[in-house]
Amino acid sequence: MMADLDRCDKLDRPTNYWEHYQRHFMPELKRFGLRDFRRRPRSVLTAFGATDLQPRGTIEVTPNIPGSSRVASALNRLVAAVPGISLGVWGSAPDWHTKYFYHQVKHKFDTLGLPLTRCGTTPHGNPEDLVEIDGAYWSLAHLQYCSMLADALRHVPVPDDAVICELGAGLGRNLEVLAHLFPRATLLLFDIPPQLYVANQYLSSVFGERVVTYDDGLKLTPAGAVPACARGRIVMSPSWRLPDWADVPVNLFWNSASFQEMEPDVVRNYLGLVARSRAQWIYINALPGGNYWGGARSGGGGTLKPVLDRYYADALGKMYELHVSYPTDYFLRDRDYMSYIYRGPTP
């Protein structure tokens, strides 16, 4: 995968934001592989939502103490480094967050007439936060993806045999949920390696032969339609193959917290390809001002320029209109993210 990445177009390679993480990503994979990756503390895999850790408290130091932030940081690193010691939340069990939010998300699914119990996660990767409820496994991270999907499906009709495309899918949690909800749907996953490697291994372990793995996916020639051998399956593809699939009609295109980590010209390029597919619906979850760290330098992480939310409408042109926007429900996080749903041309 990494050799293929070196040969692809610059617009499809990791931008400044992910180049920073990639320097840590490969050494971690080479050293630890994917054994127990979903319970791995201080892992770079957390950067794209691939870990399932129990919520923890943190040590705080009174601000009027000199160097309070550095002292707190050192103490928290010390606690995290000592096996068998962690900071809990006073008066609560470790699994209360997951149990509480399960019922919140179940209400959303019940309102839509969708079976949440079908959408649980798996013990693959040995997640630390894993709670059995109503005969299925759940983690707080997995429930967040279920919740976001339910909020979007209030506005977006998805037929049973839909073609759904996600760019920047990370571990593939969103497509994991969609695959359970819509067994006949064709799910196209595009990402850059080595994130794509993690998703390829994880989804293959969950869905077996329903997954068209990376090597087999490279052999597919869409030619304006999903090849017969890939219909109803999950197709793993690198981002540089999106142009090859751009003439395949898509019911729903999905991008969550990914465009905001690219550069404006890269976002315009990808959305131009999505518009070419005449996707009926486009969902984008992002910070309105982009995930911009400020003062970014080449190779030092962060985006070099902020990806503003107005860029999405500009890139999609007059063929698309903003159908609805709303604050993204990230449970306990401030509602600083927004969900944007664009409606495209009627087929």
Protein backbone atom coordinates (compact mmCIF):
# COMPACT_ATOMS: atom_id res chain seq x y z
CA MET A 1 0.00 0.00 0.00
CA MET A 2 2.72 2.46 0.94
CA ALA A 3 4.60 1.74 -2.29
CA ASP A 4 1.42 2.43 -4.27
CA LEU A 5 0.94 5.64 -2.30
CA ASP A 6 4.40 6.88 -3.31
CA ARG A 7 3.44 6.53 -6.98
CA CYS A 8 0.04 8.27 -6.87
CA ASP A 9 -0.87 11.86 -7.74
CA LYS A 10 0.07 14.53 -5.21
CA LEU A 11 -3.60 15.47 -4.73
CA ASP A 12 -4.27 11.96 -3.39
CA ARG A 13 -1.38 11.78 -0.94
CA PRO A 14 -1.49 12.73 2.75
CA THR A 15 -1.45 16.48 3.19
CA ASN A 16 0.49 18.31 5.88
CA TYR A 17 -1.97 17.28 8.60
CA TRP A 18 -1.59 13.53 8.09
CA GLU A 19 2.08 13.56 7.13
CA HIS A 20 2.68 14.49 10.76
CA TYR A 21 0.77 11.46 12.07
CA GLN A 22 2.12 9.08 9.45
CA ARG A 23 5.65 9.41 10.85
CA HIS A 24 4.37 7.85 14.08
CA PHE A 25 1.87 5.50 12.45
CA MET A 26 4.23 3.17 10.58
CA PRO A 27 6.64 2.60 13.49
CA GLU A 28 3.70 1.73 15.77
CA LEU A 29 2.25 -0.73 13.28
CA LYS A 30 5.65 -2.34 12.71
CA ARG A 31 6.27 -2.67 16.43
CA PHE A 32 2.83 -3.73 17.71
CA GLY A 33 0.79 -4.74 14.66
CA LEU A 34 -2.95 -4.77 15.31
CA ARG A 35 -3.00 -6.99 18.37
CA ASP A 36 -5.27 -5.35 21.00
CA PHE A 37 -5.20 -2.12 18.97
CA ARG A 38 -8.59 -0.93 20.24
CA ARG A 39 -7.42 -0.78 23.86
CA ARG A 40 -4.01 0.75 23.19
CA PRO A 41 -3.43 3.95 25.23
CA ARG A 42 -1.55 6.91 23.75
CA SER A 43 -1.83 5.37 20.30
CA VAL A 44 -1.68 7.30 17.04
CA LEU A 45 -4.67 5.17 15.97
CA THR A 46 -6.79 7.37 18.24
CA ALA A 47 -6.25 10.17 15.70
CA PHE A 48 -8.78 8.52 13.38
CA GLY A 49 -11.10 6.99 15.95
CA ALA A 50 -9.74 3.43 15.93
CA THR A 51 -9.47 2.94 19.69
CA ASP A 52 -12.22 2.22 22.23
CA LEU A 53 -10.94 3.34 25.62
CA GLN A 54 -12.97 3.79 28.77
CA PRO A 55 -13.46 7.45 29.75
CA ARG A 56 -10.94 8.56 32.32
CA GLY A 57 -10.55 11.46 34.68
CA THR A 58 -7.52 13.74 34.59
CA ILE A 59 -5.43 15.38 37.28
CA GLU A 60 -5.84 19.15 37.39
CA VAL A 61 -3.48 21.59 39.09
CA THR A 62 -4.68 24.94 40.41
CA PRO A 63 -3.86 27.61 37.78
CA ASN A 64 -2.20 29.94 40.31
CA ILE A 65 0.58 27.39 40.92
CA PRO A 66 3.63 28.18 38.74
CA GLY A 67 3.90 25.84 35.77
CA SER A 68 0.51 24.29 36.56
CA SER A 69 -0.12 23.01 33.04
CA ARG A 70 3.29 21.32 32.83
CA VAL A 71 2.88 19.77 36.29
CA ALA A 72 -0.59 18.44 35.41
CA SER A 73 0.67 17.05 32.12
CA ALA A 74 3.57 15.26 33.84
CA LEU A 75 1.32 13.78 36.53
CA ASN A 76 -1.19 12.52 33.98
CA ARG A 77 1.58 10.94 31.89
CA LEU A 78 2.89 9.24 35.04
CA VAL A 79 -0.52 7.79 35.91
CA ALA A 80 -1.02 6.60 32.32
CA ALA A 81 2.41 4.93 32.28
CA VAL A 82 1.93 2.88 35.48
CA PRO A 83 0.13 -0.43 34.77
CA GLY A 84 -2.97 -1.09 36.81
CA ILE A 85 -3.56 2.56 37.78
CA SER A 86 -6.11 4.84 36.19
CA LEU A 87 -8.25 7.81 37.14
CA GLY A 88 -11.94 7.02 37.37
CA VAL A 89 -14.87 9.40 37.72
CA TRP A 90 -16.09 9.69 41.31
CA GLY A 91 -19.42 8.02 41.99
CA SER A 92 -19.74 6.26 38.61
CA ALA A 93 -19.05 2.84 37.14
CA PRO A 94 -16.64 2.60 34.16
CA ASP A 95 -19.42 1.55 31.78
CA TRP A 96 -22.10 4.09 32.70
CA HIS A 97 -21.35 6.37 29.72
CA THR A 98 -21.86 3.56 27.25
CA LYS A 99 -25.04 2.28 28.91
CA TYR A 100 -26.53 5.76 29.21
CA PHE A 101 -25.87 6.80 25.62
CA TYR A 102 -27.01 3.44 24.28
CA HIS A 103 -30.55 4.30 25.37
CA GLN A 104 -30.28 7.79 23.87
CA VAL A 105 -29.21 6.37 20.52
CA LYS A 106 -31.79 3.59 20.66
CA HIS A 107 -34.49 6.24 20.93
CA LYS A 108 -33.18 7.86 17.73
CA PHE A 109 -33.23 4.52 15.90
CA ASP A 110 -36.68 3.61 17.23
CA THR A 111 -38.02 6.93 15.94
CA LEU A 112 -36.71 6.05 12.48
CA GLY A 113 -38.01 2.49 12.66
CA LEU A 114 -34.47 1.10 12.43
CA PRO A 115 -33.09 -1.82 14.48
CA LEU A 116 -30.17 -0.56 16.57
CA THR A 117 -29.67 -4.03 18.05
CA ARG A 118 -28.43 -5.17 14.62
CA CYS A 119 -25.66 -2.55 14.60
CA GLY A 120 -23.41 -3.51 17.50
CA THR A 121 -19.63 -3.64 17.32
CA THR A 122 -17.36 -6.66 17.76
CA PRO A 123 -14.60 -7.74 20.18
CA HIS A 124 -12.07 -7.73 17.31
CA GLY A 125 -9.07 -5.68 18.37
CA ASN A 126 -9.98 -6.27 22.03
CA PRO A 127 -11.65 -2.91 22.82
CA GLU A 128 -11.25 -1.73 26.41
CA ASP A 129 -14.72 -0.14 26.42
CA LEU A 130 -16.97 -3.07 25.52
CA VAL A 131 -20.39 -3.46 27.10
CA GLU A 132 -23.01 -6.08 26.27
CA ILE A 133 -26.51 -4.60 26.05
CA ASP A 134 -29.58 -6.25 24.53
CA GLY A 135 -27.51 -9.12 23.17
CA ALA A 136 -24.93 -6.99 21.29
CA TYR A 137 -21.59 -5.33 22.06
CA TRP A 138 -21.23 -1.57 22.34
CA SER A 139 -18.60 1.07 23.03
CA LEU A 140 -19.06 4.79 23.48
CA ALA A 141 -17.10 5.50 20.30
CA HIS A 142 -19.21 3.07 18.27
CA LEU A 143 -22.43 4.61 19.61
CA GLN A 144 -21.27 8.06 18.49
CA TYR A 145 -21.11 6.83 14.91
CA CYS A 146 -24.55 5.23 15.24
CA SER A 147 -25.91 8.48 16.62
CA MET A 148 -24.47 10.62 13.81
CA LEU A 149 -25.84 8.24 11.20
CA ALA A 150 -29.31 8.26 12.77
CA ASP A 151 -29.36 12.07 12.79
CA ALA A 152 -28.45 12.13 9.09
CA LEU A 153 -31.00 9.47 8.13
CA ARG A 154 -33.76 11.75 9.43
CA HIS A 155 -33.12 13.80 6.27
CA VAL A 156 -31.64 11.30 3.79
CA PRO A 157 -33.61 8.38 2.31
CA VAL A 158 -31.43 5.31 1.77
CA PRO A 159 -32.83 2.42 -0.33
CA ASP A 160 -31.98 -1.15 0.61
CA ASP A 161 -29.72 -1.57 -2.44
CA ALA A 162 -28.05 1.84 -2.15
CA VAL A 163 -24.54 2.65 -3.33
CA ILE A 164 -22.83 4.53 -0.50
CA CYS A 165 -19.38 6.07 -0.80
CA GLU A 166 -17.24 7.24 2.12
CA LEU A 167 -13.96 9.11 1.79
CA GLY A 168 -11.74 9.22 4.85
CA ALA A 169 -13.49 6.35 6.61
CA GLY A 170 -10.86 5.71 9.27
CA LEU A 171 -11.52 2.36 10.92
CA GLY A 172 -14.71 2.01 8.86
CA ARG A 173 -17.13 2.22 11.78
CA ASN A 174 -19.76 4.16 9.84
CA LEU A 175 -19.73 1.61 7.02
CA GLU A 176 -19.76 -1.18 9.60
CA VAL A 177 -23.09 0.16 10.90
CA LEU A 178 -24.47 0.73 7.39
CA ALA A 179 -23.49 -2.79 6.36
CA HIS A 180 -25.56 -4.22 9.20
CA LEU A 181 -28.53 -1.94 8.46
CA PHE A 182 -28.51 -2.47 4.69
CA PRO A 183 -27.27 -5.99 3.82
CA ARG A 184 -27.90 -5.40 0.09
CA ALA A 185 -26.10 -2.06 -0.08
CA THR A 186 -22.80 -1.56 -1.92
CA LEU A 187 -20.34 0.31 0.29
CA LEU A 188 -17.33 2.01 -1.28
CA LEU A 189 -14.56 2.92 1.16
CA PHE A 190 -11.74 5.27 0.12
CA ASP A 191 -8.83 6.33 2.31
CA ILE A 192 -5.08 6.74 2.39
CA PRO A 193 -2.78 4.09 3.82
CA PRO A 194 -1.85 3.14 6.44
CA GLN A 195 -5.33 4.03 7.78
CA LEU A 196 -6.71 1.99 4.88
CA TYR A 197 -4.67 -1.01 6.02
CA VAL A 198 -6.28 -0.92 9.48
CA ALA A 199 -9.79 -0.65 8.00
CA ASN A 200 -9.04 -3.41 5.48
CA GLN A 201 -7.95 -5.81 8.22
CA TYR A 202 -10.72 -4.88 10.65
CA LEU A 203 -13.68 -5.00 8.25
CA SER A 204 -12.38 -8.21 6.69
CA SER A 205 -12.36 -9.83 10.12
CA VAL A 206 -15.93 -8.63 10.77
CA PHE A 207 -17.60 -9.29 7.41
CA GLY A 208 -15.42 -11.95 5.80
CA GLU A 209 -16.13 -12.45 2.10
CA ARG A 210 -18.50 -9.49 1.90
CA VAL A 211 -15.35 -7.35 1.83
CA VAL A 212 -13.53 -6.82 -1.48
CA THR A 213 -10.06 -6.38 -0.05
CA TYR A 214 -7.44 -3.91 -1.23
CA ASP A 215 -5.69 -6.15 -3.77
CA ASP A 216 -8.94 -7.37 -5.34
CA GLY A 217 -10.41 -3.87 -5.30
CA LEU A 218 -7.53 -2.58 -7.43
CA LYS A 219 -8.53 -5.05 -10.15
CA LEU A 220 -12.09 -3.74 -10.46
CA THR A 221 -12.98 -1.60 -13.49
CA PRO A 222 -16.24 0.23 -12.69
CA ALA A 223 -16.89 1.72 -16.18
CA GLY A 224 -19.91 3.75 -15.02
CA ALA A 225 -21.49 1.04 -12.85
CA VAL A 226 -20.65 -1.16 -9.89
CA PRO A 227 -19.18 -4.40 -11.28
CA ALA A 228 -21.47 -7.37 -10.74
CA CYS A 229 -18.94 -9.12 -8.50
CA ALA A 230 -18.90 -6.11 -6.12
CA ARG A 231 -22.63 -5.45 -5.76
CA GLY A 232 -23.82 -5.69 -2.18
CA ARG A 233 -20.25 -5.79 -0.91
CA ILE A 234 -17.78 -3.50 0.89
CA VAL A 235 -15.06 -2.38 -1.53
CA MET A 236 -11.73 -1.23 -0.06
CA SER A 237 -9.96 1.33 -2.26
CA PRO A 238 -7.19 3.90 -1.90
CA SER A 239 -8.10 7.56 -2.36
CA TRP A 240 -6.30 7.75 -5.72
CA ARG A 241 -8.84 5.36 -7.21
CA LEU A 242 -11.78 7.71 -6.60
CA PRO A 243 -11.50 9.10 -10.17
CA ASP A 244 -11.98 5.54 -11.50
CA TRP A 245 -15.29 5.31 -9.62
CA ALA A 246 -16.46 8.88 -10.26
CA ASP A 247 -18.89 7.88 -13.02
CA VAL A 248 -20.68 5.35 -10.80
CA PRO A 249 -24.04 6.77 -9.58
CA VAL A 250 -24.05 7.15 -5.80
CA ASN A 251 -27.03 7.47 -3.46
CA LEU A 252 -25.06 8.90 -0.53
CA PHE A 253 -21.55 10.31 -0.20
CA TRP A 254 -20.21 10.57 3.35
CA ASN A 255 -17.27 12.50 4.80
CA SER A 256 -16.84 12.95 8.54
CA ALA A 257 -14.05 15.04 10.09
CA SER A 258 -11.84 14.34 7.07
CA PHE A 259 -12.17 17.24 4.63
CA GLN A 260 -11.24 19.60 7.46
CA GLU A 261 -7.85 17.86 7.71
CA MET A 262 -6.93 18.33 4.04
CA GLU A 263 -6.04 21.47 2.07
CA PRO A 264 -8.62 23.58 0.17
CA ASP A 265 -7.40 22.53 -3.29
CA VAL A 266 -7.54 18.84 -2.30
CA VAL A 267 -11.09 19.24 -0.99
CA ARG A 268 -12.17 20.96 -4.21
CA ASN A 269 -10.67 18.12 -6.25
CA TYR A 270 -12.48 15.40 -4.30
CA LEU A 271 -15.84 17.21 -4.26
CA GLY A 272 -15.54 17.74 -7.99
CA LEU A 273 -15.29 13.96 -8.38
CA VAL A 274 -18.27 13.46 -6.06
CA ALA A 275 -20.33 15.89 -8.12
CA ARG A 276 -19.32 13.97 -11.24
CA SER A 277 -20.91 10.86 -9.75
CA ARG A 278 -24.14 12.89 -9.39
CA ALA A 279 -24.42 11.72 -5.79
CA GLN A 280 -28.00 12.26 -4.69
CA TRP A 281 -27.02 13.21 -1.13
CA ILE A 282 -23.77 14.47 0.38
CA TYR A 283 -23.10 14.45 4.12
CA ILE A 284 -20.16 16.43 5.55
CA ASN A 285 -19.31 16.66 9.25
CA ALA A 286 -16.72 19.31 10.06
CA LEU A 287 -15.63 22.21 12.17
CA PRO A 288 -16.91 25.34 10.34
CA GLY A 289 -13.45 26.90 10.44
CA GLY A 290 -11.61 23.67 9.70
CA ASN A 291 -9.37 21.69 12.03
CA TYR A 292 -6.75 24.41 11.84
CA TRP A 293 -4.01 24.50 14.46
CA GLY A 294 -2.67 27.87 13.41
CA GLY A 295 0.92 28.63 12.49
CA ALA A 296 1.30 25.28 10.71
CA ARG A 297 4.58 24.59 8.99
CA SER A 298 5.47 22.05 6.35
CA GLY A 299 5.72 18.60 7.92
CA GLY A 300 4.84 19.94 11.37
CA GLY A 301 1.20 18.90 11.47
CA GLY A 302 -2.02 20.82 11.07
CA THR A 303 -3.41 22.18 7.83
CA LEU A 304 -1.41 24.87 6.07
CA LYS A 305 -4.68 26.70 5.34
CA PRO A 306 -8.04 26.38 7.13
CA VAL A 307 -10.81 24.56 5.26
CA LEU A 308 -13.84 26.81 5.74
CA ASP A 309 -17.36 25.44 5.47
CA ARG A 310 -18.22 27.77 2.59
CA TYR A 311 -15.70 25.91 0.43
CA TYR A 312 -18.04 22.91 0.26
CA ALA A 313 -20.87 24.78 -1.47
CA ASP A 314 -18.38 26.57 -3.73
CA ALA A 315 -16.84 23.26 -4.83
CA LEU A 316 -20.19 21.57 -5.45
CA GLY A 317 -21.53 24.41 -7.58
CA LYS A 318 -25.09 25.13 -8.61
CA MET A 319 -25.97 21.46 -9.07
CA TYR A 320 -26.19 21.05 -5.26
CA GLU A 321 -28.10 22.95 -2.61
CA LEU A 322 -27.69 22.87 1.16
CA HIS A 323 -30.66 20.84 2.35
CA VAL A 324 -30.05 21.20 6.11
CA SER A 325 -27.29 21.90 8.60
CA TYR A 326 -27.24 21.24 12.34
CA PRO A 327 -24.77 20.90 15.23
CA THR A 328 -23.27 17.41 15.29
CA ASP A 329 -24.17 15.43 18.40
CA TYR A 330 -20.87 14.24 19.88
CA PHE A 331 -22.46 13.39 23.25
CA LEU A 332 -20.35 15.07 25.96
CA ARG A 333 -18.35 17.30 23.62
CA ASP A 334 -19.27 20.94 23.00
CA ARG A 335 -21.35 21.23 19.84
CA ASP A 336 -18.60 22.88 17.83
CA TYR A 337 -18.89 20.50 14.85
CA MET A 338 -21.57 20.99 12.21
CA SER A 339 -23.30 18.49 9.93
CA TYR A 340 -24.04 19.69 6.38
CA ILE A 341 -26.35 17.75 4.09
CA TYR A 342 -26.43 18.71 0.43
CA ARG A 343 -29.09 17.55 -1.98
CA GLY A 344 -28.09 16.83 -5.55
CA PRO A 345 -29.85 16.35 -8.85
CA THR A 346 -32.84 14.01 -8.98
CA PRO A 347 -32.00 10.88 -10.98
